[in-house]
Every structure is written in C-alpha cells, then in structure tokens.
Protein backbone atom coordinates (compact mmCIF):
# COMPACT_ATOMS: atom_id res chain seq x y z
CA MET A 1 12.28 -16.83 18.44
CA GLU A 2 13.01 -13.36 17.11
CA TYR A 3 12.49 -10.40 19.45
CA LYS A 4 9.43 -8.30 18.65
CA PRO A 5 9.16 -4.82 20.16
CA ASP A 6 5.74 -3.42 20.94
CA TYR A 7 3.99 -2.87 17.62
CA LEU A 8 3.13 0.79 18.14
CA ASP A 9 6.66 1.54 19.30
CA PHE A 10 7.98 -0.39 16.31
CA ILE A 11 6.06 1.56 13.65
CA GLU A 12 6.70 4.84 15.46
CA THR A 13 10.44 4.17 15.28
CA GLU A 14 10.50 2.69 11.78
CA LEU A 15 8.37 5.42 10.24
CA GLN A 16 9.88 8.42 11.97
CA LEU A 17 10.59 11.12 9.41
CA PRO A 18 14.18 12.42 9.22
CA ALA A 19 14.77 15.88 10.69
CA SER A 20 16.97 16.90 7.76
CA ASN A 21 15.61 17.87 4.34
CA ASN A 22 18.91 17.09 2.61
CA GLN A 23 17.74 13.87 1.01
CA GLN A 24 20.01 12.73 -1.78
CA HIS A 25 17.43 11.16 -4.07
CA LEU A 26 14.17 12.60 -5.41
CA VAL A 27 11.22 10.27 -5.97
CA ILE A 28 8.24 10.83 -8.28
CA ASP A 29 5.22 9.17 -6.65
CA LEU A 30 2.47 8.55 -9.22
CA PHE A 31 -1.12 7.71 -8.24
CA ALA A 32 0.15 8.54 -4.78
CA GLY A 33 -3.07 8.18 -2.80
CA CYS A 34 -2.75 9.33 0.79
CA GLY A 35 1.02 8.73 0.86
CA GLY A 36 1.51 5.24 2.29
CA PHE A 37 4.22 4.35 -0.24
CA ALA A 38 5.73 7.83 0.17
CA LEU A 39 5.82 7.57 3.96
CA GLY A 40 7.96 4.46 3.66
CA PHE A 41 10.33 6.19 1.23
CA GLU A 42 10.49 9.40 3.27
CA ALA A 43 11.28 7.38 6.42
CA ALA A 44 14.13 5.73 4.48
CA GLY A 45 15.61 9.13 3.62
CA PHE A 46 14.13 9.92 0.20
CA LYS A 47 12.34 13.08 -0.91
CA THR A 48 9.00 12.38 -2.59
CA ILE A 49 6.76 14.48 -4.81
CA GLY A 50 3.25 13.09 -5.20
CA TYR A 51 0.71 13.17 -8.02
CA GLU A 52 -2.87 12.15 -7.23
CA ILE A 53 -6.34 12.95 -8.58
CA LEU A 54 -8.33 12.81 -5.32
CA GLU A 55 -8.47 16.02 -3.32
CA ASP A 56 -8.79 14.44 0.13
CA ALA A 57 -5.94 12.01 -0.53
CA CYS A 58 -3.72 14.91 -1.61
CA ALA A 59 -4.69 16.78 1.55
CA THR A 60 -3.70 13.80 3.69
CA TYR A 61 -0.37 13.50 1.88
CA ARG A 62 0.43 17.18 2.40
CA HIS A 63 -0.75 17.19 6.02
CA ASN A 64 1.53 14.35 7.10
CA LEU A 65 4.57 14.48 4.83
CA PRO A 66 7.13 17.24 4.27
CA SER A 67 6.45 17.03 0.54
CA ASN A 68 3.94 18.35 -1.94
CA CYS A 69 1.24 16.27 -3.59
CA ASN A 70 -0.06 17.71 -6.85
CA GLN A 71 -3.74 17.16 -7.50
CA VAL A 72 -3.84 16.12 -11.14
CA ASN A 73 -5.50 13.61 -13.43
CA LEU A 74 -2.41 11.84 -14.71
CA THR A 75 -2.07 11.26 -18.45
CA PRO A 76 0.86 10.17 -20.65
CA LEU A 77 1.56 13.87 -21.25
CA SER A 78 1.45 15.11 -17.65
CA ASP A 79 4.33 17.39 -16.66
CA LEU A 80 6.26 16.08 -13.66
CA VAL A 81 9.18 17.32 -11.59
CA ASP A 82 12.63 17.08 -13.19
CA GLY A 83 15.64 15.43 -11.58
CA ALA A 84 14.03 12.37 -9.99
CA THR A 85 16.17 9.24 -9.77
CA VAL A 86 13.23 7.02 -8.77
CA ILE A 87 9.64 6.65 -9.96
CA ILE A 88 7.17 4.72 -7.82
CA GLY A 89 3.45 4.32 -8.08
CA GLY A 90 0.26 2.39 -7.64
CA PRO A 91 -1.59 2.71 -10.96
CA PRO A 92 -5.33 2.14 -10.45
CA CYS A 93 -5.92 -1.54 -9.81
CA GLN A 94 -9.63 -1.75 -10.71
CA PRO A 95 -8.85 -2.86 -14.27
CA PHE A 96 -7.11 -5.97 -12.88
CA SER A 97 -8.79 -6.81 -9.56
CA VAL A 98 -10.52 -10.19 -9.46
CA GLY A 99 -13.36 -8.30 -7.80
CA GLY A 100 -13.77 -6.01 -10.83
CA TYR A 101 -14.39 -6.46 -14.54
CA GLN A 102 -10.73 -7.07 -15.42
CA LEU A 103 -10.86 -5.01 -18.62
CA GLY A 104 -7.19 -4.07 -18.44
CA LEU A 105 -6.10 -1.68 -21.20
CA LYS A 106 -9.73 -1.19 -22.24
CA ASP A 107 -10.62 0.19 -18.81
CA SER A 108 -10.68 4.00 -18.70
CA ARG A 109 -9.19 3.86 -15.20
CA ASP A 110 -6.00 2.22 -16.46
CA GLY A 111 -3.00 4.22 -15.26
CA PHE A 112 -0.18 2.29 -16.88
CA PRO A 113 0.15 4.36 -20.07
CA ALA A 114 0.87 7.37 -17.83
CA PHE A 115 3.33 5.37 -15.70
CA ILE A 116 5.27 4.00 -18.68
CA SER A 117 5.32 7.42 -20.35
CA ALA A 118 6.76 8.97 -17.18
CA VAL A 119 9.54 6.37 -17.12
CA GLU A 120 10.29 7.02 -20.80
CA ARG A 121 10.34 10.82 -20.49
CA TYR A 122 12.11 11.22 -17.12
CA CYS A 123 14.55 8.26 -17.32
CA PRO A 124 14.79 7.27 -13.64
CA LYS A 125 17.53 4.95 -12.49
CA ILE A 126 14.83 2.65 -11.14
CA ALA A 127 11.03 2.45 -11.36
CA LEU A 128 8.71 0.46 -9.13
CA PHE A 129 4.97 -0.13 -9.18
CA GLU A 130 2.44 -1.97 -7.03
CA ASN A 131 -0.77 -3.66 -8.08
CA VAL A 132 -3.13 -6.49 -7.17
CA ARG A 133 -2.29 -10.15 -7.74
CA GLY A 134 -5.14 -10.31 -10.25
CA MET A 135 -2.92 -8.59 -12.77
CA LEU A 136 -1.14 -11.93 -13.27
CA PHE A 137 -4.34 -13.82 -14.03
CA ARG A 138 -6.87 -12.80 -16.68
CA ASN A 139 -4.78 -9.78 -17.67
CA LYS A 140 -1.44 -11.58 -17.77
CA THR A 141 -1.09 -10.76 -21.48
CA TYR A 142 -1.43 -7.05 -20.72
CA PHE A 143 1.05 -7.33 -17.86
CA GLU A 144 3.50 -8.89 -20.30
CA GLU A 145 2.95 -5.88 -22.60
CA ILE A 146 3.82 -3.55 -19.72
CA VAL A 147 6.96 -5.55 -18.96
CA ASN A 148 7.95 -5.51 -22.64
CA SER A 149 7.42 -1.74 -22.83
CA LEU A 150 9.76 -1.19 -19.87
CA GLN A 151 12.32 -3.59 -21.33
CA GLN A 152 12.29 -1.67 -24.61
CA LEU A 153 13.26 1.41 -22.60
CA GLY A 154 16.45 -0.40 -21.59
CA TYR A 155 15.44 -1.78 -18.19
CA ILE A 156 15.68 -5.21 -16.67
CA VAL A 157 12.24 -6.02 -15.27
CA GLU A 158 11.53 -8.29 -12.30
CA TRP A 159 8.38 -8.89 -10.28
CA GLN A 160 7.30 -10.70 -7.14
CA ILE A 161 4.19 -11.09 -5.04
CA LEU A 162 5.09 -9.85 -1.56
CA ASN A 163 3.17 -10.64 1.63
CA ALA A 164 3.03 -7.62 3.95
CA THR A 165 3.12 -9.81 7.08
CA HIS A 166 6.74 -10.70 6.25
CA TYR A 167 7.76 -7.06 6.71
CA GLY A 168 6.06 -6.21 10.02
CA VAL A 169 2.55 -5.39 8.79
CA PRO A 170 -0.16 -7.16 10.88
CA GLN A 171 -2.13 -8.09 7.79
CA LYS A 172 -2.17 -10.97 5.29
CA ARG A 173 -1.86 -8.70 2.29
CA GLU A 174 -0.36 -10.03 -0.94
CA ARG A 175 0.40 -7.56 -3.70
CA LEU A 176 2.34 -7.63 -6.95
CA PHE A 177 5.46 -5.46 -7.10
CA CYS A 178 7.33 -4.89 -10.34
CA VAL A 179 10.77 -3.28 -10.60
CA ALA A 180 12.46 -1.83 -13.70
CA HIS A 181 16.21 -1.49 -13.06
CA LYS A 182 19.62 -1.64 -14.73
CA GLY A 183 21.00 -4.68 -12.94
CA ASP A 184 21.96 -5.91 -9.43
CA TRP A 185 18.53 -5.33 -7.89
CA LYS A 186 17.85 -7.30 -4.70
CA TRP A 187 14.40 -7.77 -3.19
CA PRO A 188 14.07 -6.88 0.50
CA GLU A 189 14.73 -9.68 2.93
CA LYS A 190 11.81 -10.85 5.03
CA THR A 191 12.02 -9.43 8.54
CA HIS A 192 8.99 -11.04 10.21
CA PHE A 193 8.59 -14.35 8.42
CA HIS A 194 8.60 -16.55 11.53
CA SER A 195 6.98 -14.22 14.04
CA PRO A 196 4.55 -11.79 12.38
CA TYR A 197 2.69 -9.08 14.20
CA THR A 198 -0.95 -9.95 14.84
CA ALA A 199 -4.14 -7.91 14.71
CA GLY A 200 -4.10 -8.01 18.50
CA ASP A 201 -0.61 -6.49 18.55
CA ALA A 202 -1.87 -3.65 16.36
CA LEU A 203 -5.24 -2.99 17.96
CA GLY A 204 -4.33 -3.62 21.60
CA GLU A 205 -7.02 -2.57 24.06
CA LEU A 206 -9.00 -0.87 21.30
CA ALA A 207 -10.33 -4.30 20.38
CA LEU A 208 -11.94 -4.73 23.82
CA PHE A 209 -14.02 -1.58 23.90
CA ALA A 210 -16.48 0.39 21.81
CA PRO A 211 -15.67 4.05 21.14
CA ALA A 212 -18.56 6.50 21.40
CA ASN A 213 -18.93 6.63 17.62
CA SER A 214 -18.88 2.85 17.13
CA LYS A 215 -21.03 1.35 14.40
CA PHE A 216 -22.46 -2.00 15.43
CA LEU A 217 -23.82 -4.75 13.25
CA THR A 218 -27.57 -4.97 13.56
CA PRO A 219 -29.38 -8.30 14.12
CA SER A 220 -30.36 -8.34 10.45
CA MET A 221 -26.73 -7.75 9.45
CA ASP A 222 -25.63 -10.55 11.78
CA GLU A 223 -28.11 -12.84 10.07
CA TYR A 224 -26.85 -11.75 6.64
CA VAL A 225 -23.27 -12.44 7.71
CA LYS A 226 -24.28 -15.89 8.95
CA LYS A 227 -25.89 -16.74 5.61
CA TYR A 228 -22.89 -15.31 3.73
CA GLU A 229 -20.46 -17.47 5.67
CA ILE A 230 -22.56 -20.60 5.14
CA ALA A 231 -22.84 -19.91 1.40
CA SER A 232 -19.11 -19.24 1.10
CA LYS A 233 -18.27 -22.33 3.19
CA CYS A 234 -16.37 -20.20 5.68
CA ILE A 235 -14.89 -22.49 8.35
CA ASN A 236 -14.10 -19.73 10.86
CA PRO A 237 -16.24 -16.62 11.37
CA ARG A 238 -14.73 -13.73 9.46
CA ASP A 239 -14.36 -11.58 12.54
CA ILE A 240 -10.88 -10.24 13.24
CA HIS A 241 -8.93 -12.87 15.17
CA LEU A 242 -6.54 -11.10 17.50
CA ASN A 243 -3.99 -13.95 17.64
CA THR A 244 -3.21 -13.83 13.90
CA PRO A 245 -2.56 -11.13 11.30
CA SER A 246 -5.71 -9.58 9.89
CA ARG A 247 -7.22 -10.45 6.55
CA THR A 248 -6.38 -8.04 3.74
CA VAL A 249 -7.61 -4.51 4.42
CA THR A 250 -9.54 -3.08 1.46
CA CYS A 251 -11.91 -0.18 0.85
CA ARG A 252 -14.78 -2.63 0.54
CA ASN A 253 -14.29 -4.50 3.79
CA LEU A 254 -13.47 -1.44 5.88
CA CYS A 255 -16.79 0.29 5.43
CA GLY A 256 -18.99 -1.80 3.16
CA ALA A 257 -22.16 -3.34 4.58
CA THR A 258 -21.29 -6.83 3.39
CA GLY A 259 -20.57 -10.21 4.89
CA ASP A 260 -16.92 -9.70 4.00
CA MET A 261 -16.47 -6.61 6.20
CA LEU A 262 -13.70 -6.46 8.78
CA ARG A 263 -15.28 -6.38 12.23
CA ILE A 264 -14.39 -6.90 15.87
CA ARG A 265 -16.37 -9.16 18.18
CA LEU A 266 -16.42 -7.60 21.65
CA PRO A 267 -16.31 -9.66 24.86
CA ASP A 268 -20.07 -9.11 25.28
CA GLY A 269 -20.76 -10.71 21.88
CA ARG A 270 -21.57 -7.55 19.93
CA ARG A 271 -19.77 -6.97 16.67
CA ARG A 272 -18.68 -3.58 15.44
CA ARG A 273 -16.94 -2.16 12.42
CA LEU A 274 -13.39 -0.93 12.62
CA THR A 275 -12.63 2.71 13.29
CA VAL A 276 -10.35 4.75 11.02
CA MET A 277 -7.50 4.45 13.54
CA GLU A 278 -7.88 0.68 13.73
CA GLY A 279 -7.89 0.26 9.96
CA ALA A 280 -4.85 2.52 9.72
CA ARG A 281 -2.95 0.51 12.34
CA LEU A 282 -3.59 -2.71 10.43
CA GLN A 283 -2.02 -0.99 7.40
CA SER A 284 0.98 0.05 9.58
CA PHE A 285 0.22 3.77 9.69
CA PRO A 286 1.43 5.36 12.96
CA ASP A 287 -1.22 7.02 15.11
CA TRP A 288 0.24 10.47 14.32
CA PHE A 289 -0.73 10.05 10.66
CA GLN A 290 -4.01 11.94 10.30
CA PHE A 291 -6.38 11.31 7.40
CA GLN A 292 -8.37 14.11 5.85
CA GLY A 293 -11.90 14.15 4.42
CA SER A 294 -15.09 12.30 5.34
CA GLU A 295 -14.97 8.98 7.18
CA SER A 296 -15.77 7.03 4.01
CA ASN A 297 -13.02 8.87 2.12
CA GLN A 298 -10.57 8.13 4.92
CA PHE A 299 -11.45 4.43 4.76
CA ASN A 300 -10.91 4.49 0.99
CA GLN A 301 -7.50 6.11 1.44
CA ILE A 302 -6.48 3.47 3.97
CA GLY A 303 -7.71 0.53 1.91
CA ASN A 304 -5.95 1.73 -1.25
CA ALA A 305 -2.60 2.49 0.40
CA VAL A 306 0.66 0.60 0.19
CA PRO A 307 1.43 -0.32 3.83
CA PRO A 308 4.16 2.14 4.88
CA LEU A 309 6.29 -0.56 6.52
CA LEU A 310 6.35 -2.56 3.30
CA GLY A 311 7.06 0.67 1.44
CA LYS A 312 10.07 1.29 3.65
CA ALA A 313 11.40 -2.24 3.13
CA LEU A 314 11.30 -1.64 -0.62
CA ALA A 315 12.79 1.83 -0.19
CA ARG A 316 15.78 0.33 1.63
CA SER A 317 16.35 -2.03 -1.28
CA VAL A 318 16.08 0.90 -3.70
CA LYS A 319 18.63 2.85 -1.65
CA ALA A 320 21.02 -0.14 -1.60
CA TYR A 321 20.62 -0.49 -5.38
CA LEU A 322 21.31 3.21 -5.99
CA ASN A 323 24.35 3.15 -3.71
CA TYR A 324 25.68 0.09 -5.52
CA ILE A 325 25.35 1.48 -9.04
CA GLU A 326 26.81 4.82 -7.98
CA THR A 327 29.78 3.07 -6.36
CA HIS A 328 30.38 0.86 -9.37
CA LYS A 329 29.60 3.54 -11.98
CA ASN A 330 27.69 1.04 -14.07
CA PHE A 331 24.46 2.93 -14.71
CA ALA A 332 23.86 3.62 -18.38
CA THR A 333 21.37 6.31 -19.40
C-alpha cells in the first residue's frame, strides 16, 4: 500500500508557492475564477495572469496569489498580456452541463469563442481547458467544432476525462480536460489511484463538531431529503461518508437547499451543511487560502474551481512538455 502523508500536510507541501518570482513561463488564465487552476500552476513554478468577470473571485485570486487577476468580461477581442507560452482556462460550463439547458454555442454564457480567439492571437506553445463531462454528450458536435478550430490553428488536440481522486483530491470529481499542443504531450500519471484521500482525511475533527455558525437541516428539510432519496432510488443516504472520497463539490450542493446538498451527519444525529473551509478542503485548497466576498459567493467560487492539486498535476505535465520541446527544438510557430 502506498504511503499517504497527513492530508493537510500534503496539500500544504504540494501547494506551497515558490519564494522566487523568476518563473520561466508565463501563463494566461482565462475565466480564472478564484484561482484554483492558477494555484496549481503557481505551485509548479509558473507565473499566471488571470482574467475573470466576477469581482469577488478576482479579489480572492489577488489576495492569495502573487499575480494579478484582471476583472473583465472576456470577448474574442479582449486584450491580454503578451509573451505567454501557456493558455489555460475554464470557459463557462453552463452551456454544456447536464444540469443546464445545454444550448452550447447558442448560450450567451459560452466562453469558447474568446478562448479560441486568444489561442489564435497569442500563439501559445500549449493551451489547456477544463469543462464538464456533459460537453461530450448533447453538445458533442460543438465540442468537435472547438477541436477542429484548434487543429486548424496548427495544434494536435487531445482530451481525457480525469478523476480528481486519482491526483490526491478527496472528491469523486470527473471533468473533461482538452489540450492543444505541438506533439509529445503526456497526461499526468495517477498518483492516488489505489489509495485515495477520503472526506474524513480532509475534514478531520471538523466533521465531529458544529461550529458556532453552523447551519442545520430542519425537520422539514430532513423530510424533504428523505423523499428525495426515495424518489431518486438512493441506496445510501447522501450524507458525506468519511471513509470514502466525497461526492463532486458544486455550487449547487454546497449551499443549495436541496436533497442533493453536501452535508455532515454529526454523532448526535443532526445534519449540518458544510462550512466554507470544509468545502475548500474537499477541493484541495489549503487552509491559508482565504476566499473573499459573501458566504454564498465564496461557496460559488469553491464549487466552480479546478481543484488545485489536479491543476498542479497538469502543470507538471505542461512543464515536462515545454522542457521537452525546448530541448529538442521542435516547436514550430
């Protein structure tokens, strides 16, 4: 069995920011959110510059990272920083989520025209985006259009659905990642495939107590949850089970008053919602990472983020790719 250090020590070590600001590669981070993807890249030795429309998310990014996050509504004509060798991003996923309307290109929230335009205008050596698995279902035709657009710009395009538990995140989170490169790209190897961190590893003693500001489920909410689980043929109650990784953390189940919400059942039988710190831990944010804005905005930032540990695993693969093409001088602009 592989050795697993204490979870909090693990993410503190893995996501420690370098003391030096002499990073070799500059990264444009589009639709940056609170900086989960960027934290992984910064911890791997990159310099990121973020672009994000939401004020509180930008404030969180700036508060925790040694980089700027520009508050801007990204369009295909948005001016970005020059000199970046990497473009990453999480274009809004609502147009493709199975929980949404799946309108794709017809959805006004679609961020892919801006992402593709940035790749075309700034010519990075590699570009990487994250989105929900639903993009491969009803909107598969549109995804193929995105892939074709990147291929026409001279890139080889590959994609995989990655499970965050395989990279040290205590959460069963599957997301689509797509990479546009020039050859010799290698996906990150799984580091925690056989022995994943659990929700109990992440939450520790927090799961046994109720902070002063805890929000408990009322009897009527308990009854609603019971009916929801019966209707959805849920075999196990959808409480957080401390001996396994958590279910996927989303904006909706962090703070929504629904039967799907993430909640902890205390030893005395009461059930409470997660706190901001607990949701952040399940996403692999270290405790030093402080979210800005109202509680609901903080929950939204957490639910929308790329888990930083998964971000760092991808950043390491990006760094290996860049080192390889620089060594072999085979990158063609």
